[in-house]
Amino acid sequence: MKIKDGFITRKIGDTNYAVSFDENSPIGNGMIKLSDSAFFIWQMLEEGTTEEEILSSMKESFDAEEEILRRDISAFVGKLSELGIIE
């Protein structure tokens, strides 16, 4: 899986955002507010990683149970897929 072209990430204050700079993107010229874990997942998806690779990395970086991480990854990737942001 990989984030489609036309997005950049920016930090404004303490908050991370995914910003579309392509009016033809699924969210137009909009922004998506990203939590710390969502930003981590987004960055990994920019590199074209699998959910299992994301899970492995998150287990090293976040203090949470594997089941919770797996559920969060699946939910976020599902939403991005639903919006047409990942290919």
C-alpha atoms as a PDB file:
ATOM      1  CA  MET A   1       0.000   0.000   0.000  1.00  0.00           C
ATOM      2  CA  LYS A   2       1.121   3.484  -0.725  1.00  0.00           C
ATOM      3  CA  ILE A   3      -0.201   7.023  -0.289  1.00  0.00           C
ATOM      4  CA  LYS A   4      -1.163   8.438  -3.689  1.00  0.00           C
ATOM      5  CA  ASP A   5       0.783  11.381  -5.087  1.00  0.00           C
ATOM      6  CA  GLY A   6      -0.527  14.838  -4.325  1.00  0.00           C
ATOM      7  CA  PHE A   7      -0.109  14.920  -0.532  1.00  0.00           C
ATOM      8  CA  ILE A   8       2.454  16.397   1.834  1.00  0.00           C
ATOM      9  CA  THR A   9       2.578  16.395   5.631  1.00  0.00           C
ATOM     10  CA  ARG A  10       3.063  19.483   7.728  1.00  0.00           C
ATOM     11  CA  LYS A  11       3.292  20.178  11.434  1.00  0.00           C
ATOM     12  CA  ILE A  12       1.434  23.270  12.615  1.00  0.00           C
ATOM     13  CA  GLY A  13       2.063  23.912  16.283  1.00  0.00           C
ATOM     14  CA  ASP A  14       1.843  20.512  17.936  1.00  0.00           C
ATOM     15  CA  THR A  15      -0.493  19.027  15.311  1.00  0.00           C
ATOM     16  CA  ASN A  16       0.368  17.041  12.190  1.00  0.00           C
ATOM     17  CA  TYR A  17      -1.660  17.369   9.010  1.00  0.00           C
ATOM     18  CA  ALA A  18      -1.772  15.626   5.653  1.00  0.00           C
ATOM     19  CA  VAL A  19      -2.336  18.333   3.068  1.00  0.00           C
ATOM     20  CA  SER A  20      -3.564  17.768  -0.460  1.00  0.00           C
ATOM     21  CA  PHE A  21      -2.075  20.044  -3.097  1.00  0.00           C
ATOM     22  CA  ASP A  22      -3.990  18.436  -5.972  1.00  0.00           C
ATOM     23  CA  GLU A  23      -7.552  19.668  -6.475  1.00  0.00           C
ATOM     24  CA  ASN A  24      -8.300  16.338  -8.183  1.00  0.00           C
ATOM     25  CA  SER A  25      -7.368  14.346  -5.068  1.00  0.00           C
ATOM     26  CA  PRO A  26     -10.122  12.511  -3.183  1.00  0.00           C
ATOM     27  CA  ILE A  27     -10.296  15.339  -0.617  1.00  0.00           C
ATOM     28  CA  GLY A  28      -9.717  18.228  -3.032  1.00  0.00           C
ATOM     29  CA  ASN A  29      -7.369  20.874  -1.666  1.00  0.00           C
ATOM     30  CA  GLY A  30      -8.137  19.823   1.906  1.00  0.00           C
ATOM     31  CA  MET A  31      -6.293  18.791   5.043  1.00  0.00           C
ATOM     32  CA  ILE A  32      -6.554  15.797   7.352  1.00  0.00           C
ATOM     33  CA  LYS A  33      -5.609  16.218  11.016  1.00  0.00           C
ATOM     34  CA  LEU A  34      -3.398  13.303  12.104  1.00  0.00           C
ATOM     35  CA  SER A  35      -2.857  11.969  15.606  1.00  0.00           C
ATOM     36  CA  ASP A  36       0.675  10.850  16.474  1.00  0.00           C
ATOM     37  CA  SER A  37      -0.117   7.235  15.600  1.00  0.00           C
ATOM     38  CA  ALA A  38      -1.935   8.209  12.386  1.00  0.00           C
ATOM     39  CA  PHE A  39       1.052  10.360  11.379  1.00  0.00           C
ATOM     40  CA  PHE A  40       3.375   7.415  12.048  1.00  0.00           C
ATOM     41  CA  ILE A  41       1.202   5.146   9.876  1.00  0.00           C
ATOM     42  CA  TRP A  42       0.942   7.811   7.147  1.00  0.00           C
ATOM     43  CA  GLN A  43       4.723   8.164   6.980  1.00  0.00           C
ATOM     44  CA  MET A  44       5.126   4.412   6.625  1.00  0.00           C
ATOM     45  CA  LEU A  45       2.476   4.313   3.899  1.00  0.00           C
ATOM     46  CA  GLU A  46       4.398   6.988   2.002  1.00  0.00           C
ATOM     47  CA  GLU A  47       7.170   4.386   1.746  1.00  0.00           C
ATOM     48  CA  GLY A  48       4.806   1.684   0.496  1.00  0.00           C
ATOM     49  CA  THR A  49       4.775  -0.614   3.523  1.00  0.00           C
ATOM     50  CA  THR A  50       2.368  -3.390   4.467  1.00  0.00           C
ATOM     51  CA  GLU A  51       0.128  -3.429   7.533  1.00  0.00           C
ATOM     52  CA  GLU A  52       2.363  -6.098   9.093  1.00  0.00           C
ATOM     53  CA  GLU A  53       5.471  -3.935   8.599  1.00  0.00           C
ATOM     54  CA  ILE A  54       3.623  -0.987  10.135  1.00  0.00           C
ATOM     55  CA  LEU A  55       2.582  -3.149  13.098  1.00  0.00           C
ATOM     56  CA  SER A  56       6.141  -4.328  13.649  1.00  0.00           C
ATOM     57  CA  SER A  57       7.458  -0.747  13.673  1.00  0.00           C
ATOM     58  CA  MET A  58       4.666   0.537  15.876  1.00  0.00           C
ATOM     59  CA  LYS A  59       5.301  -2.171  18.478  1.00  0.00           C
ATOM     60  CA  GLU A  60       8.822  -0.752  18.827  1.00  0.00           C
ATOM     61  CA  SER A  61       7.696   2.882  18.989  1.00  0.00           C
ATOM     62  CA  PHE A  62       4.396   2.870  20.907  1.00  0.00           C
ATOM     63  CA  ASP A  63       3.567   1.511  24.349  1.00  0.00           C
ATOM     64  CA  ALA A  64       0.355  -0.326  23.451  1.00  0.00           C
ATOM     65  CA  GLU A  65      -0.873  -3.884  23.151  1.00  0.00           C
ATOM     66  CA  GLU A  66      -0.522  -5.534  19.755  1.00  0.00           C
ATOM     67  CA  GLU A  67      -4.282  -6.050  19.457  1.00  0.00           C
ATOM     68  CA  ILE A  68      -4.924  -2.324  19.923  1.00  0.00           C
ATOM     69  CA  LEU A  69      -2.214  -1.366  17.439  1.00  0.00           C
ATOM     70  CA  ARG A  70      -3.517  -3.866  14.886  1.00  0.00           C
ATOM     71  CA  ARG A  71      -7.066  -2.510  15.262  1.00  0.00           C
ATOM     72  CA  ASP A  72      -5.909   1.122  14.946  1.00  0.00           C
ATOM     73  CA  ILE A  73      -3.819   0.379  11.857  1.00  0.00           C
ATOM     74  CA  SER A  74      -6.668  -1.500  10.208  1.00  0.00           C
ATOM     75  CA  ALA A  75      -9.181   1.275  10.960  1.00  0.00           C
ATOM     76  CA  PHE A  76      -6.924   4.073   9.679  1.00  0.00           C
ATOM     77  CA  VAL A  77      -5.835   2.203   6.551  1.00  0.00           C
ATOM     78  CA  GLY A  78      -9.476   1.290   5.922  1.00  0.00           C
ATOM     79  CA  LYS A  79     -10.533   4.937   6.133  1.00  0.00           C
ATOM     80  CA  LEU A  80      -7.728   6.054   3.804  1.00  0.00           C
ATOM     81  CA  SER A  81      -8.698   3.315   1.365  1.00  0.00           C
ATOM     82  CA  GLU A  82     -12.364   4.347   1.569  1.00  0.00           C
ATOM     83  CA  LEU A  83     -11.360   7.935   0.752  1.00  0.00           C
ATOM     84  CA  GLY A  84      -9.224   6.749  -2.175  1.00  0.00           C
ATOM     85  CA  ILE A  85      -5.995   8.106  -0.679  1.00  0.00           C
ATOM     86  CA  ILE A  86      -3.975   4.881  -0.848  1.00  0.00           C
ATOM     87  CA  GLU A  87      -3.303   2.650  -3.809  1.00  0.00           C
END
